């Protein structure tokens, strides 16, 4: 066999290897996602509807309450700003493939923006979201708003969700599960959570004792790890947090752990909590190790930048 033929075979094998190299299955891509099987697809396979929370942001509303709702295998949001900070904004961004039904118990001055489609009003009843990115938000010019909405998981007859829709953790190679939030409750404070570089990030901020936070973090079994950065009157009743403005890892023992902020101090406070896999820059495919597959990915992308 000629050297040219060997080179062609080698190049073909390399491309096949590159095409089959994937990210680790435990790497999170969203805050969480629900997947429901709904029967045979048009080509003989099972098609799936999926819904994932992409980000949540709320700035100073009177009352922000989220809890993991086991009865619907999903999330419930109760957000109200009718009396004091009537122009305070909030957003809940969802990405849907297929179709997903949300239950709206009540909605005052609430709208949904669908990319490529536009904005429509949200009212009590079933809110059906189709393919695409949707942002549920309040009309800050309306003089007050409130929203009580359930984001159910798949039905009892459907396949179980791959990961919970709630702002919980991504599984990792460790034997212990990631921690999950059970409840997050704020008054007149700022909350934002989203996925950043494969890690779940939650940021809470407030001023004075009128801005408060109570959040319950649950470690189902074993020991979990979170990174914490705090300022001012932000602490945990059961976990030893690092000094102010010193970001450090905190071990989370099995059980429930309460975080509080704004309960006594008069100054500003903030609390940032994150968890998920840490990756070095050289780990191009984010599978937790630097190996031949990372070199293949580099070679596959060799050349000028797009």
C-alpha atoms as a PDB file:
ATOM      1  CA  UNK A   1       0.000   0.000   0.000  1.00  0.00           C
ATOM      2  CA  UNK A   2       1.352   3.408  -0.942  1.00  0.00           C
ATOM      3  CA  UNK A   3       2.151   6.150   1.545  1.00  0.00           C
ATOM      4  CA  UNK A   4      -0.565   8.306  -0.092  1.00  0.00           C
ATOM      5  CA  UNK A   5      -3.158   5.590   0.544  1.00  0.00           C
ATOM      6  CA  UNK A   6      -2.049   5.297   4.169  1.00  0.00           C
ATOM      7  CA  UNK A   7      -2.393   9.049   4.612  1.00  0.00           C
ATOM      8  CA  UNK A   8      -5.915   9.014   3.158  1.00  0.00           C
ATOM      9  CA  UNK A   9      -6.954   6.138   5.435  1.00  0.00           C
ATOM     10  CA  UNK A  10      -5.416   7.858   8.462  1.00  0.00           C
ATOM     11  CA  UNK A  11      -7.155  11.135   7.676  1.00  0.00           C
ATOM     12  CA  UNK A  12     -10.483   9.343   7.235  1.00  0.00           C
ATOM     13  CA  UNK A  13     -10.059   7.527  10.545  1.00  0.00           C
ATOM     14  CA  UNK A  14      -9.176  10.812  12.224  1.00  0.00           C
ATOM     15  CA  UNK A  15     -12.331  12.506  10.950  1.00  0.00           C
ATOM     16  CA  UNK A  16     -14.480   9.588  12.103  1.00  0.00           C
ATOM     17  CA  UNK A  17     -12.900   9.764  15.545  1.00  0.00           C
ATOM     18  CA  UNK A  18     -13.466  13.499  15.714  1.00  0.00           C
ATOM     19  CA  UNK A  19     -17.103  13.149  14.685  1.00  0.00           C
ATOM     20  CA  UNK A  20     -17.682  10.550  17.406  1.00  0.00           C
ATOM     21  CA  UNK A  21     -15.993  12.579  20.156  1.00  0.00           C
ATOM     22  CA  UNK A  22     -18.653  14.189  22.322  1.00  0.00           C
ATOM     23  CA  UNK A  23     -18.875  16.128  25.535  1.00  0.00           C
ATOM     24  CA  UNK A  24     -19.241  14.130  28.712  1.00  0.00           C
ATOM     25  CA  UNK A  25     -22.860  13.047  29.242  1.00  0.00           C
ATOM     26  CA  UNK A  26     -22.954  14.621  32.689  1.00  0.00           C
ATOM     27  CA  UNK A  27     -22.078  18.099  31.467  1.00  0.00           C
ATOM     28  CA  UNK A  28     -25.030  20.489  31.908  1.00  0.00           C
ATOM     29  CA  UNK A  29     -26.156  22.709  29.045  1.00  0.00           C
ATOM     30  CA  UNK A  30     -29.080  24.432  30.751  1.00  0.00           C
ATOM     31  CA  UNK A  31     -30.276  25.230  34.239  1.00  0.00           C
ATOM     32  CA  UNK A  32     -32.311  22.077  33.811  1.00  0.00           C
ATOM     33  CA  UNK A  33     -34.616  20.481  31.321  1.00  0.00           C
ATOM     34  CA  UNK A  34     -37.689  18.318  31.123  1.00  0.00           C
ATOM     35  CA  UNK A  35     -38.116  15.799  28.351  1.00  0.00           C
ATOM     36  CA  UNK A  36     -41.395  14.014  27.629  1.00  0.00           C
ATOM     37  CA  UNK A  37     -41.830  11.150  25.195  1.00  0.00           C
ATOM     38  CA  UNK A  38     -45.105  11.448  23.329  1.00  0.00           C
ATOM     39  CA  UNK A  39     -45.154   8.513  20.952  1.00  0.00           C
ATOM     40  CA  UNK A  40     -43.641   7.385  17.655  1.00  0.00           C
ATOM     41  CA  UNK A  41     -42.208  10.095  15.456  1.00  0.00           C
ATOM     42  CA  UNK A  42     -42.885  10.492  11.747  1.00  0.00           C
ATOM     43  CA  UNK A  43     -39.814   8.438  10.903  1.00  0.00           C
ATOM     44  CA  UNK A  44     -40.450   5.587  13.292  1.00  0.00           C
ATOM     45  CA  UNK A  45     -38.508   6.927  16.268  1.00  0.00           C
ATOM     46  CA  UNK A  46     -39.733   8.457  19.486  1.00  0.00           C
ATOM     47  CA  UNK A  47     -40.065  12.240  19.365  1.00  0.00           C
ATOM     48  CA  UNK A  48     -39.603  14.286  22.513  1.00  0.00           C
ATOM     49  CA  UNK A  49     -40.912  17.608  23.723  1.00  0.00           C
ATOM     50  CA  UNK A  50     -38.429  19.479  25.913  1.00  0.00           C
ATOM     51  CA  UNK A  51     -38.532  22.596  28.059  1.00  0.00           C
ATOM     52  CA  UNK A  52     -35.567  24.227  29.773  1.00  0.00           C
ATOM     53  CA  UNK A  53     -35.203  27.318  31.948  1.00  0.00           C
ATOM     54  CA  UNK A  54     -32.451  29.466  30.436  1.00  0.00           C
ATOM     55  CA  UNK A  55     -32.369  32.347  32.892  1.00  0.00           C
ATOM     56  CA  UNK A  56     -34.356  34.038  35.626  1.00  0.00           C
ATOM     57  CA  UNK A  57     -33.928  37.679  36.597  1.00  0.00           C
ATOM     58  CA  UNK A  58     -35.872  39.846  39.029  1.00  0.00           C
ATOM     59  CA  UNK A  59     -34.881  43.308  40.273  1.00  0.00           C
ATOM     60  CA  UNK A  60     -36.518  44.581  43.425  1.00  0.00           C
ATOM     61  CA  UNK A  61     -40.050  43.209  43.115  1.00  0.00           C
ATOM     62  CA  UNK A  62     -42.139  43.288  46.276  1.00  0.00           C
ATOM     63  CA  UNK A  63     -42.147  39.510  46.638  1.00  0.00           C
ATOM     64  CA  UNK A  64     -40.303  36.832  44.649  1.00  0.00           C
ATOM     65  CA  UNK A  65     -41.046  33.239  45.622  1.00  0.00           C
ATOM     66  CA  UNK A  66     -39.899  30.124  43.782  1.00  0.00           C
ATOM     67  CA  UNK A  67     -40.196  26.551  44.978  1.00  0.00           C
ATOM     68  CA  UNK A  68     -39.549  23.112  43.608  1.00  0.00           C
ATOM     69  CA  UNK A  69     -43.023  21.642  43.178  1.00  0.00           C
ATOM     70  CA  UNK A  70     -42.839  17.869  43.542  1.00  0.00           C
ATOM     71  CA  UNK A  71     -46.569  17.478  42.885  1.00  0.00           C
ATOM     72  CA  UNK A  72     -46.031  18.573  39.271  1.00  0.00           C
ATOM     73  CA  UNK A  73     -42.411  17.448  39.021  1.00  0.00           C
ATOM     74  CA  UNK A  74     -41.486  21.010  38.119  1.00  0.00           C
ATOM     75  CA  UNK A  75     -41.332  24.609  39.283  1.00  0.00           C
ATOM     76  CA  UNK A  76     -43.723  27.163  40.702  1.00  0.00           C
ATOM     77  CA  UNK A  77     -43.110  30.918  40.591  1.00  0.00           C
ATOM     78  CA  UNK A  78     -45.119  33.467  42.586  1.00  0.00           C
ATOM     79  CA  UNK A  79     -43.906  36.991  41.766  1.00  0.00           C
ATOM     80  CA  UNK A  80     -45.804  40.051  42.965  1.00  0.00           C
ATOM     81  CA  UNK A  81     -45.112  43.773  42.741  1.00  0.00           C
ATOM     82  CA  UNK A  82     -48.450  45.518  43.160  1.00  0.00           C
ATOM     83  CA  UNK A  83     -48.010  47.794  46.194  1.00  0.00           C
ATOM     84  CA  UNK A  84     -44.514  49.268  46.390  1.00  0.00           C
ATOM     85  CA  UNK A  85     -41.994  48.688  43.590  1.00  0.00           C
ATOM     86  CA  UNK A  86     -44.642  48.621  40.876  1.00  0.00           C
ATOM     87  CA  UNK A  87     -42.133  49.248  38.060  1.00  0.00           C
ATOM     88  CA  UNK A  88     -39.660  46.565  39.159  1.00  0.00           C
ATOM     89  CA  UNK A  89     -38.884  44.222  36.229  1.00  0.00           C
ATOM     90  CA  UNK A  90     -38.560  40.455  36.061  1.00  0.00           C
ATOM     91  CA  UNK A  91     -38.000  37.871  33.329  1.00  0.00           C
ATOM     92  CA  UNK A  92     -38.228  34.097  33.021  1.00  0.00           C
ATOM     93  CA  UNK A  93     -36.639  32.748  29.833  1.00  0.00           C
ATOM     94  CA  UNK A  94     -37.612  29.300  28.544  1.00  0.00           C
ATOM     95  CA  UNK A  95     -36.420  27.302  25.557  1.00  0.00           C
ATOM     96  CA  UNK A  96     -38.862  24.787  24.118  1.00  0.00           C
ATOM     97  CA  UNK A  97     -38.523  22.090  21.503  1.00  0.00           C
ATOM     98  CA  UNK A  98     -41.876  20.772  20.358  1.00  0.00           C
ATOM     99  CA  UNK A  99     -44.638  22.030  22.640  1.00  0.00           C
ATOM    100  CA  UNK A 100     -45.018  22.531  26.379  1.00  0.00           C
ATOM    101  CA  UNK A 101     -47.980  23.526  28.554  1.00  0.00           C
ATOM    102  CA  UNK A 102     -47.640  25.813  31.567  1.00  0.00           C
ATOM    103  CA  UNK A 103     -50.420  26.447  34.081  1.00  0.00           C
ATOM    104  CA  UNK A 104     -51.064  30.117  34.840  1.00  0.00           C
ATOM    105  CA  UNK A 105     -53.044  30.494  38.062  1.00  0.00           C
ATOM    106  CA  UNK A 106     -53.120  34.297  37.868  1.00  0.00           C
ATOM    107  CA  UNK A 107     -51.466  37.017  35.791  1.00  0.00           C
ATOM    108  CA  UNK A 108     -51.679  40.803  36.054  1.00  0.00           C
ATOM    109  CA  UNK A 109     -49.825  42.844  33.397  1.00  0.00           C
ATOM    110  CA  UNK A 110     -47.810  39.823  32.234  1.00  0.00           C
ATOM    111  CA  UNK A 111     -46.651  39.203  28.674  1.00  0.00           C
ATOM    112  CA  UNK A 112     -44.623  36.609  26.782  1.00  0.00           C
ATOM    113  CA  UNK A 113     -42.134  37.472  24.053  1.00  0.00           C
ATOM    114  CA  UNK A 114     -41.332  34.757  21.521  1.00  0.00           C
ATOM    115  CA  UNK A 115     -38.257  35.328  19.398  1.00  0.00           C
ATOM    116  CA  UNK A 116     -39.247  35.747  15.764  1.00  0.00           C
ATOM    117  CA  UNK A 117     -42.952  36.011  16.604  1.00  0.00           C
ATOM    118  CA  UNK A 118     -43.508  38.926  18.966  1.00  0.00           C
ATOM    119  CA  UNK A 119     -45.281  39.716  22.228  1.00  0.00           C
ATOM    120  CA  UNK A 120     -48.671  38.582  23.498  1.00  0.00           C
ATOM    121  CA  UNK A 121     -50.570  38.951  26.766  1.00  0.00           C
ATOM    122  CA  UNK A 122     -50.598  36.172  29.360  1.00  0.00           C
ATOM    123  CA  UNK A 123     -53.785  35.369  31.254  1.00  0.00           C
ATOM    124  CA  UNK A 124     -54.965  32.679  33.662  1.00  0.00           C
ATOM    125  CA  UNK A 125     -55.309  29.231  32.135  1.00  0.00           C
ATOM    126  CA  UNK A 126     -53.021  27.052  30.051  1.00  0.00           C
ATOM    127  CA  UNK A 127     -50.084  28.781  28.379  1.00  0.00           C
ATOM    128  CA  UNK A 128     -48.823  26.629  25.498  1.00  0.00           C
ATOM    129  CA  UNK A 129     -45.331  27.408  24.245  1.00  0.00           C
ATOM    130  CA  UNK A 130     -44.053  26.006  20.959  1.00  0.00           C
ATOM    131  CA  UNK A 131     -40.613  25.709  19.396  1.00  0.00           C
ATOM    132  CA  UNK A 132     -38.233  28.508  20.260  1.00  0.00           C
ATOM    133  CA  UNK A 133     -37.108  30.873  22.987  1.00  0.00           C
ATOM    134  CA  UNK A 134     -39.762  32.543  25.108  1.00  0.00           C
ATOM    135  CA  UNK A 135     -39.381  35.272  27.735  1.00  0.00           C
ATOM    136  CA  UNK A 136     -42.201  35.735  30.238  1.00  0.00           C
ATOM    137  CA  UNK A 137     -42.019  39.260  31.679  1.00  0.00           C
ATOM    138  CA  UNK A 138     -44.042  41.954  33.388  1.00  0.00           C
ATOM    139  CA  UNK A 139     -45.233  45.252  31.918  1.00  0.00           C
ATOM    140  CA  UNK A 140     -43.341  47.719  34.099  1.00  0.00           C
ATOM    141  CA  UNK A 141     -45.437  50.645  32.837  1.00  0.00           C
ATOM    142  CA  UNK A 142     -48.731  49.123  33.985  1.00  0.00           C
ATOM    143  CA  UNK A 143     -48.544  50.291  37.595  1.00  0.00           C
ATOM    144  CA  UNK A 144     -48.092  46.872  39.175  1.00  0.00           C
ATOM    145  CA  UNK A 145     -47.946  43.215  38.204  1.00  0.00           C
ATOM    146  CA  UNK A 146     -48.173  39.700  39.581  1.00  0.00           C
ATOM    147  CA  UNK A 147     -47.701  36.174  38.265  1.00  0.00           C
ATOM    148  CA  UNK A 148     -48.464  32.755  39.712  1.00  0.00           C
ATOM    149  CA  UNK A 149     -47.346  30.057  37.298  1.00  0.00           C
ATOM    150  CA  UNK A 150     -46.610  26.325  37.362  1.00  0.00           C
ATOM    151  CA  UNK A 151     -44.052  24.827  34.997  1.00  0.00           C
ATOM    152  CA  UNK A 152     -44.950  21.140  35.111  1.00  0.00           C
ATOM    153  CA  UNK A 153     -42.660  18.322  34.180  1.00  0.00           C
ATOM    154  CA  UNK A 154     -43.727  15.429  31.946  1.00  0.00           C
ATOM    155  CA  UNK A 155     -46.942  13.580  32.733  1.00  0.00           C
ATOM    156  CA  UNK A 156     -47.022  10.398  34.755  1.00  0.00           C
ATOM    157  CA  UNK A 157     -47.199   8.289  31.580  1.00  0.00           C
ATOM    158  CA  UNK A 158     -44.228  10.024  30.010  1.00  0.00           C
ATOM    159  CA  UNK A 159     -40.597   9.168  30.382  1.00  0.00           C
ATOM    160  CA  UNK A 160     -38.931  10.669  33.470  1.00  0.00           C
ATOM    161  CA  UNK A 161     -37.069  13.939  32.958  1.00  0.00           C
ATOM    162  CA  UNK A 162     -33.391  13.730  32.139  1.00  0.00           C
ATOM    163  CA  UNK A 163     -32.685  16.470  34.669  1.00  0.00           C
ATOM    164  CA  UNK A 164     -35.062  18.483  36.818  1.00  0.00           C
ATOM    165  CA  UNK A 165     -36.434  21.698  35.398  1.00  0.00           C
ATOM    166  CA  UNK A 166     -35.856  23.452  38.699  1.00  0.00           C
ATOM    167  CA  UNK A 167     -32.628  25.358  39.385  1.00  0.00           C
ATOM    168  CA  UNK A 168     -30.983  22.261  40.701  1.00  0.00           C
ATOM    169  CA  UNK A 169     -27.628  20.800  39.994  1.00  0.00           C
ATOM    170  CA  UNK A 170     -26.027  19.000  37.125  1.00  0.00           C
ATOM    171  CA  UNK A 171     -24.846  15.524  37.866  1.00  0.00           C
ATOM    172  CA  UNK A 172     -21.115  15.043  37.906  1.00  0.00           C
ATOM    173  CA  UNK A 173     -18.621  12.185  37.929  1.00  0.00           C
ATOM    174  CA  UNK A 174     -18.624  12.195  41.765  1.00  0.00           C
ATOM    175  CA  UNK A 175     -20.688   9.645  43.683  1.00  0.00           C
ATOM    176  CA  UNK A 176     -22.700  12.293  45.536  1.00  0.00           C
ATOM    177  CA  UNK A 177     -25.583  14.103  43.854  1.00  0.00           C
ATOM    178  CA  UNK A 178     -25.391  17.832  43.293  1.00  0.00           C
ATOM    179  CA  UNK A 179     -27.314  20.059  45.722  1.00  0.00           C
ATOM    180  CA  UNK A 180     -30.697  21.471  44.774  1.00  0.00           C
ATOM    181  CA  UNK A 181     -32.753  24.438  45.912  1.00  0.00           C
ATOM    182  CA  UNK A 182     -36.082  23.666  47.554  1.00  0.00           C
ATOM    183  CA  UNK A 183     -37.238  27.275  47.991  1.00  0.00           C
ATOM    184  CA  UNK A 184     -35.978  30.766  47.128  1.00  0.00           C
ATOM    185  CA  UNK A 185     -37.810  33.718  48.671  1.00  0.00           C
ATOM    186  CA  UNK A 186     -36.824  37.396  48.357  1.00  0.00           C
ATOM    187  CA  UNK A 187     -38.429  40.727  49.129  1.00  0.00           C
ATOM    188  CA  UNK A 188     -37.264  43.941  47.403  1.00  0.00           C
ATOM    189  CA  UNK A 189     -34.048  42.270  46.290  1.00  0.00           C
ATOM    190  CA  UNK A 190     -32.245  41.290  43.103  1.00  0.00           C
ATOM    191  CA  UNK A 191     -32.079  37.671  41.990  1.00  0.00           C
ATOM    192  CA  UNK A 192     -30.494  36.189  38.870  1.00  0.00           C
ATOM    193  CA  UNK A 193     -29.636  32.650  37.923  1.00  0.00           C
ATOM    194  CA  UNK A 194     -28.313  31.160  34.724  1.00  0.00           C
ATOM    195  CA  UNK A 195     -25.769  28.683  33.380  1.00  0.00           C
ATOM    196  CA  UNK A 196     -22.249  30.101  32.901  1.00  0.00           C
ATOM    197  CA  UNK A 197     -19.432  27.955  31.456  1.00  0.00           C
ATOM    198  CA  UNK A 198     -21.176  24.763  32.447  1.00  0.00           C
ATOM    199  CA  UNK A 199     -21.846  25.887  36.026  1.00  0.00           C
ATOM    200  CA  UNK A 200     -25.087  26.916  37.704  1.00  0.00           C
ATOM    201  CA  UNK A 201     -24.787  30.464  39.064  1.00  0.00           C
ATOM    202  CA  UNK A 202     -27.173  32.131  41.507  1.00  0.00           C
ATOM    203  CA  UNK A 203     -26.725  35.767  42.550  1.00  0.00           C
ATOM    204  CA  UNK A 204     -28.767  37.579  45.184  1.00  0.00           C
ATOM    205  CA  UNK A 205     -28.327  41.257  46.167  1.00  0.00           C
ATOM    206  CA  UNK A 206     -30.078  43.779  48.367  1.00  0.00           C
ATOM    207  CA  UNK A 207     -29.767  46.987  50.373  1.00  0.00           C
ATOM    208  CA  UNK A 208     -30.591  47.500  54.031  1.00  0.00           C
ATOM    209  CA  UNK A 209     -32.843  45.272  56.099  1.00  0.00           C
ATOM    210  CA  UNK A 210     -35.830  45.930  53.819  1.00  0.00           C
ATOM    211  CA  UNK A 211     -34.271  43.630  51.194  1.00  0.00           C
ATOM    212  CA  UNK A 212     -34.363  40.064  52.470  1.00  0.00           C
ATOM    213  CA  UNK A 213     -33.498  36.557  51.316  1.00  0.00           C
ATOM    214  CA  UNK A 214     -34.424  33.128  52.624  1.00  0.00           C
ATOM    215  CA  UNK A 215     -33.354  30.133  50.562  1.00  0.00           C
ATOM    216  CA  UNK A 216     -33.309  26.436  51.391  1.00  0.00           C
ATOM    217  CA  UNK A 217     -30.534  24.347  49.824  1.00  0.00           C
ATOM    218  CA  UNK A 218     -30.949  20.572  49.944  1.00  0.00           C
ATOM    219  CA  UNK A 219     -28.180  17.994  49.720  1.00  0.00           C
ATOM    220  CA  UNK A 220     -30.001  14.702  49.207  1.00  0.00           C
ATOM    221  CA  UNK A 221     -27.125  12.389  50.113  1.00  0.00           C
ATOM    222  CA  UNK A 222     -23.380  12.375  50.615  1.00  0.00           C
ATOM    223  CA  UNK A 223     -21.481  15.655  50.477  1.00  0.00           C
ATOM    224  CA  UNK A 224     -21.790  18.315  47.798  1.00  0.00           C
ATOM    225  CA  UNK A 225     -19.580  21.273  46.946  1.00  0.00           C
ATOM    226  CA  UNK A 226     -20.551  24.864  46.219  1.00  0.00           C
ATOM    227  CA  UNK A 227     -18.525  28.025  45.627  1.00  0.00           C
ATOM    228  CA  UNK A 228     -19.616  31.022  47.690  1.00  0.00           C
ATOM    229  CA  UNK A 229     -18.875  34.746  47.506  1.00  0.00           C
ATOM    230  CA  UNK A 230     -20.686  36.983  49.964  1.00  0.00           C
ATOM    231  CA  UNK A 231     -20.838  40.562  51.208  1.00  0.00           C
ATOM    232  CA  UNK A 232     -22.444  42.096  54.292  1.00  0.00           C
ATOM    233  CA  UNK A 233     -25.392  40.509  56.047  1.00  0.00           C
ATOM    234  CA  UNK A 234     -25.519  37.226  54.126  1.00  0.00           C
ATOM    235  CA  UNK A 235     -24.934  33.946  55.905  1.00  0.00           C
ATOM    236  CA  UNK A 236     -26.071  30.374  56.454  1.00  0.00           C
ATOM    237  CA  UNK A 237     -27.494  28.930  59.651  1.00  0.00           C
ATOM    238  CA  UNK A 238     -25.726  25.585  59.169  1.00  0.00           C
ATOM    239  CA  UNK A 239     -22.763  26.099  56.824  1.00  0.00           C
ATOM    240  CA  UNK A 240     -19.502  27.946  57.487  1.00  0.00           C
ATOM    241  CA  UNK A 241     -19.181  30.521  54.718  1.00  0.00           C
ATOM    242  CA  UNK A 242     -15.941  32.279  53.725  1.00  0.00           C
ATOM    243  CA  UNK A 243     -15.060  35.796  54.827  1.00  0.00           C
ATOM    244  CA  UNK A 244     -16.535  38.723  52.934  1.00  0.00           C
ATOM    245  CA  UNK A 245     -15.404  39.027  49.304  1.00  0.00           C
ATOM    246  CA  UNK A 246     -13.320  35.857  49.561  1.00  0.00           C
ATOM    247  CA  UNK A 247     -14.641  33.304  47.088  1.00  0.00           C
ATOM    248  CA  UNK A 248     -14.103  29.797  48.372  1.00  0.00           C
ATOM    249  CA  UNK A 249     -15.469  26.278  48.175  1.00  0.00           C
ATOM    250  CA  UNK A 250     -17.925  25.152  50.839  1.00  0.00           C
ATOM    251  CA  UNK A 251     -18.762  21.526  51.591  1.00  0.00           C
ATOM    252  CA  UNK A 252     -22.473  20.850  51.885  1.00  0.00           C
ATOM    253  CA  UNK A 253     -23.403  17.985  54.170  1.00  0.00           C
ATOM    254  CA  UNK A 254     -26.496  15.867  53.679  1.00  0.00           C
ATOM    255  CA  UNK A 255     -29.702  17.621  54.689  1.00  0.00           C
ATOM    256  CA  UNK A 256     -31.306  21.058  54.413  1.00  0.00           C
ATOM    257  CA  UNK A 257     -29.368  24.315  54.762  1.00  0.00           C
ATOM    258  CA  UNK A 258     -30.911  27.754  55.169  1.00  0.00           C
ATOM    259  CA  UNK A 259     -29.335  30.879  53.676  1.00  0.00           C
ATOM    260  CA  UNK A 260     -30.444  34.281  54.959  1.00  0.00           C
ATOM    261  CA  UNK A 261     -29.607  37.879  54.079  1.00  0.00           C
ATOM    262  CA  UNK A 262     -30.842  41.316  55.080  1.00  0.00           C
ATOM    263  CA  UNK A 263     -32.129  40.184  58.467  1.00  0.00           C
ATOM    264  CA  UNK A 264     -30.149  42.554  60.678  1.00  0.00           C
ATOM    265  CA  UNK A 265     -27.679  44.841  58.896  1.00  0.00           C
ATOM    266  CA  UNK A 266     -28.294  48.301  57.469  1.00  0.00           C
ATOM    267  CA  UNK A 267     -25.803  48.142  54.603  1.00  0.00           C
ATOM    268  CA  UNK A 268     -25.717  46.329  51.264  1.00  0.00           C
ATOM    269  CA  UNK A 269     -25.520  42.566  51.027  1.00  0.00           C
ATOM    270  CA  UNK A 270     -24.887  40.069  48.270  1.00  0.00           C
ATOM    271  CA  UNK A 271     -24.594  36.314  47.984  1.00  0.00           C
ATOM    272  CA  UNK A 272     -23.284  34.406  44.952  1.00  0.00           C
ATOM    273  CA  UNK A 273     -23.478  30.610  44.936  1.00  0.00           C
ATOM    274  CA  UNK A 274     -22.423  28.318  42.119  1.00  0.00           C
ATOM    275  CA  UNK A 275     -21.768  24.646  41.523  1.00  0.00           C
ATOM    276  CA  UNK A 276     -20.967  22.272  38.729  1.00  0.00           C
ATOM    277  CA  UNK A 277     -17.835  20.950  37.059  1.00  0.00           C
ATOM    278  CA  UNK A 278     -14.644  23.013  36.872  1.00  0.00           C
ATOM    279  CA  UNK A 279     -12.793  22.767  33.558  1.00  0.00           C
ATOM    280  CA  UNK A 280      -9.310  23.885  32.657  1.00  0.00           C
ATOM    281  CA  UNK A 281      -8.801  25.800  29.411  1.00  0.00           C
ATOM    282  CA  UNK A 282      -7.044  22.847  27.787  1.00  0.00           C
ATOM    283  CA  UNK A 283     -10.078  20.584  28.261  1.00  0.00           C
ATOM    284  CA  UNK A 284     -11.646  21.584  24.951  1.00  0.00           C
ATOM    285  CA  UNK A 285     -14.470  19.035  24.932  1.00  0.00           C
ATOM    286  CA  UNK A 286     -15.271  19.571  28.617  1.00  0.00           C
ATOM    287  CA  UNK A 287     -15.170  15.898  29.606  1.00  0.00           C
ATOM    288  CA  UNK A 288     -13.053  16.432  32.722  1.00  0.00           C
ATOM    289  CA  UNK A 289      -9.698  15.282  31.347  1.00  0.00           C
ATOM    290  CA  UNK A 290      -7.106  16.609  28.902  1.00  0.00           C
ATOM    291  CA  UNK A 291      -6.422  13.792  26.452  1.00  0.00           C
ATOM    292  CA  UNK A 292      -6.220  12.780  22.802  1.00  0.00           C
ATOM    293  CA  UNK A 293      -9.839  13.793  22.139  1.00  0.00           C
ATOM    294  CA  UNK A 294      -8.971  17.407  22.978  1.00  0.00           C
ATOM    295  CA  UNK A 295      -6.101  17.269  20.500  1.00  0.00           C
ATOM    296  CA  UNK A 296      -8.475  15.916  17.857  1.00  0.00           C
ATOM    297  CA  UNK A 297     -10.869  18.788  18.480  1.00  0.00           C
ATOM    298  CA  UNK A 298      -8.018  21.264  18.135  1.00  0.00           C
ATOM    299  CA  UNK A 299      -6.870  19.683  14.853  1.00  0.00           C
ATOM    300  CA  UNK A 300     -10.431  19.643  13.530  1.00  0.00           C
ATOM    301  CA  UNK A 301     -10.676  23.408  14.119  1.00  0.00           C
ATOM    302  CA  UNK A 302      -7.204  24.151  12.733  1.00  0.00           C
ATOM    303  CA  UNK A 303      -7.033  27.123  10.409  1.00  0.00           C
ATOM    304  CA  UNK A 304      -8.175  30.699  10.316  1.00  0.00           C
ATOM    305  CA  UNK A 305     -10.838  31.884  12.740  1.00  0.00           C
ATOM    306  CA  UNK A 306     -14.361  32.089  11.263  1.00  0.00           C
END
